[in-house]
Amino acid sequence: MNVATKSFKTLKNLSKDELTSKVREFEAGLFQARMKKVTGQLEDSASIWRMRKDLARVKTLLSQAASKAKTA
């Protein structure tokens, strides 16, 4: 099992409020990484790709939770 699958499984157990705070956290981290890239301070450029994927995972879970709430 890879790291992405593990993190996705742990994210699935979070509440809607916790997921919303994770979105803010990932967006802030992504912004900081982009600024470091522009200024030449970012050592691992692949970290931006990983942050984008993590952000997409959290947003997917939020949209799934919203659609479940509408049908329930």
Protein backbone atom coordinates (compact mmCIF):
# COMPACT_ATOMS: atom_id res chain seq x y z
CA MET A 1 0.00 0.00 0.00
CA ASN A 2 1.50 3.33 -0.99
CA VAL A 3 1.54 6.54 1.02
CA ALA A 4 -1.23 8.19 -1.00
CA THR A 5 -3.62 5.34 -0.27
CA LYS A 6 -2.80 5.47 3.43
CA SER A 7 -3.33 9.22 3.60
CA PHE A 8 -6.60 8.94 1.69
CA LYS A 9 -7.89 6.34 4.12
CA THR A 10 -7.02 8.56 7.09
CA LEU A 11 -8.64 11.55 5.37
CA LYS A 12 -11.86 9.59 4.86
CA ASN A 13 -12.28 9.40 8.64
CA LEU A 14 -12.20 13.18 9.12
CA SER A 15 -15.28 15.32 9.69
CA LYS A 16 -16.42 18.00 7.25
CA ASP A 17 -14.95 20.78 9.42
CA GLU A 18 -11.62 18.97 9.65
CA LEU A 19 -11.57 18.50 5.88
CA THR A 20 -12.29 22.19 5.38
CA SER A 21 -9.37 23.11 7.62
CA LYS A 22 -7.18 20.65 5.68
CA VAL A 23 -8.14 22.42 2.45
CA ARG A 24 -7.01 25.74 3.92
CA GLU A 25 -3.81 24.13 5.21
CA PHE A 26 -2.97 22.56 1.83
CA GLU A 27 -3.78 25.76 -0.06
CA ALA A 28 -1.52 27.78 2.24
CA GLY A 29 1.26 25.23 1.90
CA LEU A 30 0.88 25.21 -1.87
CA PHE A 31 1.07 29.00 -1.96
CA GLN A 32 4.23 28.96 0.17
CA ALA A 33 5.81 26.31 -2.06
CA ARG A 34 5.02 28.31 -5.18
CA MET A 35 6.56 31.43 -3.67
CA LYS A 36 9.69 29.47 -2.73
CA LYS A 37 9.89 28.11 -6.27
CA VAL A 38 9.72 31.61 -7.73
CA THR A 39 12.44 32.87 -5.39
CA GLY A 40 14.62 29.82 -5.97
CA GLN A 41 14.39 28.52 -2.40
CA LEU A 42 12.39 25.37 -3.16
CA GLU A 43 14.62 22.30 -3.15
CA ASP A 44 11.99 19.66 -3.96
CA SER A 45 9.92 20.82 -6.91
CA ALA A 46 7.90 17.58 -6.81
CA SER A 47 6.43 18.71 -3.49
CA ILE A 48 4.16 21.10 -5.40
CA TRP A 49 2.78 18.18 -7.40
CA ARG A 50 2.19 16.16 -4.22
CA MET A 51 0.45 19.09 -2.50
CA ARG A 52 -1.84 19.56 -5.49
CA LYS A 53 -2.79 15.89 -5.40
CA ASP A 54 -3.41 15.99 -1.64
CA LEU A 55 -5.58 19.07 -2.07
CA ALA A 56 -7.56 17.33 -4.81
CA ARG A 57 -8.10 14.30 -2.56
CA VAL A 58 -9.50 16.45 0.23
CA LYS A 59 -11.74 18.41 -2.13
CA THR A 60 -13.01 15.13 -3.58
CA LEU A 61 -13.95 13.91 -0.12
CA LEU A 62 -15.72 17.20 0.62
CA SER A 63 -17.76 17.00 -2.58
CA GLN A 64 -18.64 13.37 -1.85
CA ALA A 65 -19.80 14.37 1.63
CA ALA A 66 -21.89 17.18 0.17
CA SER A 67 -23.55 14.89 -2.34
CA LYS A 68 -24.29 12.33 0.38
CA ALA A 69 -25.87 15.05 2.49
CA LYS A 70 -28.13 16.05 -0.40
CA THR A 71 -29.34 12.51 -1.00
CA ALA A 72 -29.84 11.68 2.67
